[in-house]
């Protein structure tokens, strides 16, 4: 079960970054939304006790980067 939670957390952030890069590369595309960030954060928080602290911190930083980009674009929902 622990490995599943870790994998889910990492995959959630990878999916978040995939949407972020798609939106950055395709002007006007808006596949990334705040609920995506919230969901990724929930996955990372759920697996937090299973992740090395550096991995947890890195995943949170990546989520925060996506949230900053959303805020800059004015697309927080």
Protein backbone atom coordinates (compact mmCIF):
# COMPACT_ATOMS: atom_id res chain seq x y z
CA UNK A 1 0.00 0.00 0.00
CA UNK A 2 2.83 2.42 0.85
CA UNK A 3 4.42 2.06 -2.56
CA UNK A 4 1.07 2.76 -4.22
CA UNK A 5 0.72 6.01 -2.28
CA UNK A 6 4.25 7.09 -3.18
CA UNK A 7 3.71 6.29 -6.84
CA UNK A 8 0.35 8.08 -6.83
CA UNK A 9 1.94 11.21 -5.34
CA UNK A 10 4.77 11.25 -7.86
CA UNK A 11 2.42 10.56 -10.78
CA UNK A 12 0.05 13.32 -9.65
CA UNK A 13 2.89 15.85 -9.81
CA UNK A 14 4.12 14.50 -13.16
CA UNK A 15 0.60 14.89 -14.58
CA UNK A 16 0.43 18.40 -13.14
CA UNK A 17 3.72 19.36 -14.78
CA UNK A 18 2.65 17.77 -18.07
CA UNK A 19 -0.40 20.04 -18.13
CA UNK A 20 1.73 23.02 -17.13
CA UNK A 21 4.23 22.45 -19.94
CA UNK A 22 1.44 21.87 -22.46
CA UNK A 23 -0.23 25.14 -21.46
CA UNK A 24 3.07 27.03 -21.64
CA UNK A 25 3.83 25.61 -25.09
CA UNK A 26 0.34 26.15 -26.52
CA UNK A 27 -0.65 29.75 -26.00
CA UNK A 28 -4.27 29.93 -24.97
CA UNK A 29 -4.51 26.29 -23.92
CA UNK A 30 -5.77 25.92 -20.38
CA UNK A 31 -5.62 22.31 -19.28
CA UNK A 32 -4.13 23.12 -15.86
CA UNK A 33 -6.53 24.25 -13.16
CA UNK A 34 -6.30 24.92 -9.43
CA UNK A 35 -8.20 21.68 -8.62
CA UNK A 36 -5.34 19.81 -10.36
CA UNK A 37 -2.90 21.46 -7.96
CA UNK A 38 -5.14 20.72 -4.99
CA UNK A 39 -5.43 17.07 -5.98
CA UNK A 40 -1.67 16.71 -6.46
CA UNK A 41 -1.04 18.35 -3.09
CA UNK A 42 -3.52 15.97 -1.42
CA UNK A 43 -1.72 12.99 -2.95
CA UNK A 44 1.66 14.27 -1.80
CA UNK A 45 0.34 15.03 1.69
CA UNK A 46 -1.22 11.55 1.94
CA UNK A 47 2.12 9.95 1.07
CA UNK A 48 4.21 12.43 3.03
CA UNK A 49 5.12 10.02 5.81
CA UNK A 50 6.34 7.50 3.21
CA UNK A 51 8.49 9.90 1.19
CA UNK A 52 12.00 11.04 1.94
CA UNK A 53 11.86 14.65 3.08
CA UNK A 54 13.80 15.86 0.02
CA UNK A 55 11.33 14.10 -2.28
CA UNK A 56 8.34 15.51 -0.40
CA UNK A 57 9.82 19.03 -0.49
CA UNK A 58 10.61 18.77 -4.19
CA UNK A 59 7.09 17.63 -5.06
CA UNK A 60 5.58 20.46 -3.01
CA UNK A 61 7.89 22.99 -4.70
CA UNK A 62 6.75 21.78 -8.11
CA UNK A 63 3.10 22.12 -7.10
CA UNK A 64 3.78 25.63 -5.80
CA UNK A 65 5.45 26.48 -9.11
CA UNK A 66 2.34 25.41 -11.00
CA UNK A 67 0.17 27.46 -8.63
CA UNK A 68 2.37 30.52 -9.19
CA UNK A 69 2.06 30.10 -12.94
CA UNK A 70 -1.73 29.88 -12.62
CA UNK A 71 -1.77 33.02 -10.49
CA UNK A 72 0.36 34.89 -13.05
CA UNK A 73 -2.03 33.85 -15.79
CA UNK A 74 -5.04 34.84 -13.71
CA UNK A 75 -6.60 31.40 -14.04
CA UNK A 76 -7.02 30.42 -10.40
CA UNK A 77 -10.34 28.67 -9.99
